[in-house]
Amino acid sequence: MKTSRELTGVAGETCVDPLPMSRSEALRRTFARPMLKRSIGVAVVVGTGLNVINQGDAIFHGEPLVLWKLALTYAVPFAVSSYGSYGALRGPDRGPLQP
């Protein structure tokens, strides 16, 4: 099975361009340990920053936090990071939603 193709750049250099992978292979790799760790890391950093921005008053004044906002603020960056990984794995010629 062919996994890449050679391309010639503008300056005449040769580079290897990975061929787009199937949906199932892209999903498998998106939720494999290395990508999952990356997506979780993004969610922790971005989610924490957004929670401080959105609920900073409650955090710093000891008021109760809105738990659904707390969960959603971490879930959205995780989903966006995972979707970005999936789209990148699918390849430039095929968008994430194309067959």
Protein backbone atom coordinates (compact mmCIF):
# COMPACT_ATOMS: atom_id res chain seq x y z
CA MET A 1 0.00 0.00 0.00
CA LYS A 2 1.38 3.39 -0.99
CA THR A 3 1.57 5.83 1.93
CA SER A 4 3.24 8.87 0.32
CA ARG A 5 4.00 10.57 -2.98
CA GLU A 6 6.97 12.59 -4.14
CA LEU A 7 6.41 16.21 -5.02
CA THR A 8 8.72 18.75 -6.61
CA GLY A 9 8.84 22.10 -4.88
CA VAL A 10 9.10 25.56 -6.42
CA ALA A 11 12.90 25.56 -6.11
CA GLY A 12 13.13 22.09 -7.63
CA GLU A 13 13.59 20.27 -4.33
CA THR A 14 11.91 16.92 -3.82
CA CYS A 15 9.72 16.41 -0.79
CA VAL A 16 7.49 13.60 0.40
CA ASP A 17 3.80 14.32 0.83
CA PRO A 18 1.77 11.75 2.80
CA LEU A 19 -1.31 10.51 1.02
CA PRO A 20 -4.65 11.12 2.74
CA MET A 21 -5.68 8.26 5.01
CA SER A 22 -9.06 6.64 5.46
CA ARG A 23 -11.58 7.91 8.00
CA SER A 24 -11.17 4.87 10.23
CA GLU A 25 -7.35 5.09 10.24
CA ALA A 26 -7.47 8.83 10.92
CA LEU A 27 -9.90 8.27 13.82
CA ARG A 28 -7.75 5.47 15.21
CA ARG A 29 -4.67 7.71 15.17
CA THR A 30 -6.56 10.74 16.49
CA PHE A 31 -7.49 8.83 19.65
CA ALA A 32 -4.20 6.94 20.01
CA ARG A 33 -2.09 7.79 23.05
CA PRO A 34 0.25 10.45 21.51
CA MET A 35 -2.53 12.53 19.94
CA LEU A 36 -4.78 12.03 22.95
CA LYS A 37 -2.05 13.35 25.26
CA ARG A 38 -1.63 16.37 23.01
CA SER A 39 -5.37 17.09 22.91
CA ILE A 40 -5.65 16.74 26.69
CA GLY A 41 -2.68 19.08 27.15
CA VAL A 42 -4.29 21.69 24.91
CA ALA A 43 -7.58 21.32 26.79
CA VAL A 44 -5.87 21.80 30.17
CA VAL A 45 -3.91 24.89 29.14
CA VAL A 46 -6.63 26.59 27.08
CA GLY A 47 -9.48 25.47 29.37
CA THR A 48 -7.72 26.77 32.48
CA GLY A 49 -7.09 30.14 30.84
CA LEU A 50 -10.68 30.40 29.68
CA ASN A 51 -12.02 29.38 33.10
CA VAL A 52 -9.97 32.10 34.77
CA ILE A 53 -11.32 34.61 32.25
CA ASN A 54 -14.94 33.42 32.43
CA GLN A 55 -15.25 32.57 36.12
CA GLY A 56 -12.37 34.55 37.61
CA ASP A 57 -14.59 36.47 39.99
CA ALA A 58 -16.02 33.29 41.45
CA ILE A 59 -12.59 31.63 41.64
CA PHE A 60 -10.87 34.53 43.39
CA HIS A 61 -13.75 35.41 45.73
CA GLY A 62 -14.51 31.87 46.86
CA GLU A 63 -17.93 31.77 45.24
CA PRO A 64 -19.31 28.52 43.80
CA LEU A 65 -18.36 27.73 40.21
CA VAL A 66 -20.90 26.93 37.51
CA LEU A 67 -19.98 23.28 36.92
CA TRP A 68 -21.46 22.91 33.44
CA LYS A 69 -19.43 25.94 32.32
CA LEU A 70 -16.33 24.46 33.91
CA ALA A 71 -16.77 21.13 32.09
CA LEU A 72 -17.65 22.73 28.76
CA THR A 73 -14.68 25.08 28.93
CA TYR A 74 -12.36 22.05 29.01
CA ALA A 75 -14.38 19.91 26.58
CA VAL A 76 -14.45 22.44 23.73
CA PRO A 77 -10.66 22.89 23.39
CA PHE A 78 -10.26 19.09 23.59
CA ALA A 79 -12.80 18.62 20.79
CA VAL A 80 -11.25 21.35 18.62
CA SER A 81 -7.74 19.95 19.06
CA SER A 82 -8.89 16.42 18.30
CA TYR A 83 -10.84 17.56 15.23
CA GLY A 84 -7.78 19.48 13.99
CA SER A 85 -5.63 16.38 14.36
CA TYR A 86 -8.21 14.30 12.52
CA GLY A 87 -8.42 16.82 9.68
CA ALA A 88 -4.64 16.98 9.36
CA LEU A 89 -4.42 13.21 9.22
CA ARG A 90 -7.08 13.04 6.52
CA GLY A 91 -4.82 15.13 4.31
CA PRO A 92 -4.93 18.42 2.41
CA ASP A 93 -6.83 17.01 -0.57
CA ARG A 94 -9.71 15.70 1.52
CA GLY A 95 -11.50 17.71 4.12
CA PRO A 96 -12.43 16.01 7.40
CA LEU A 97 -16.03 15.49 6.30
CA GLN A 98 -15.39 14.31 2.74
CA PRO A 99 -15.44 10.56 2.00
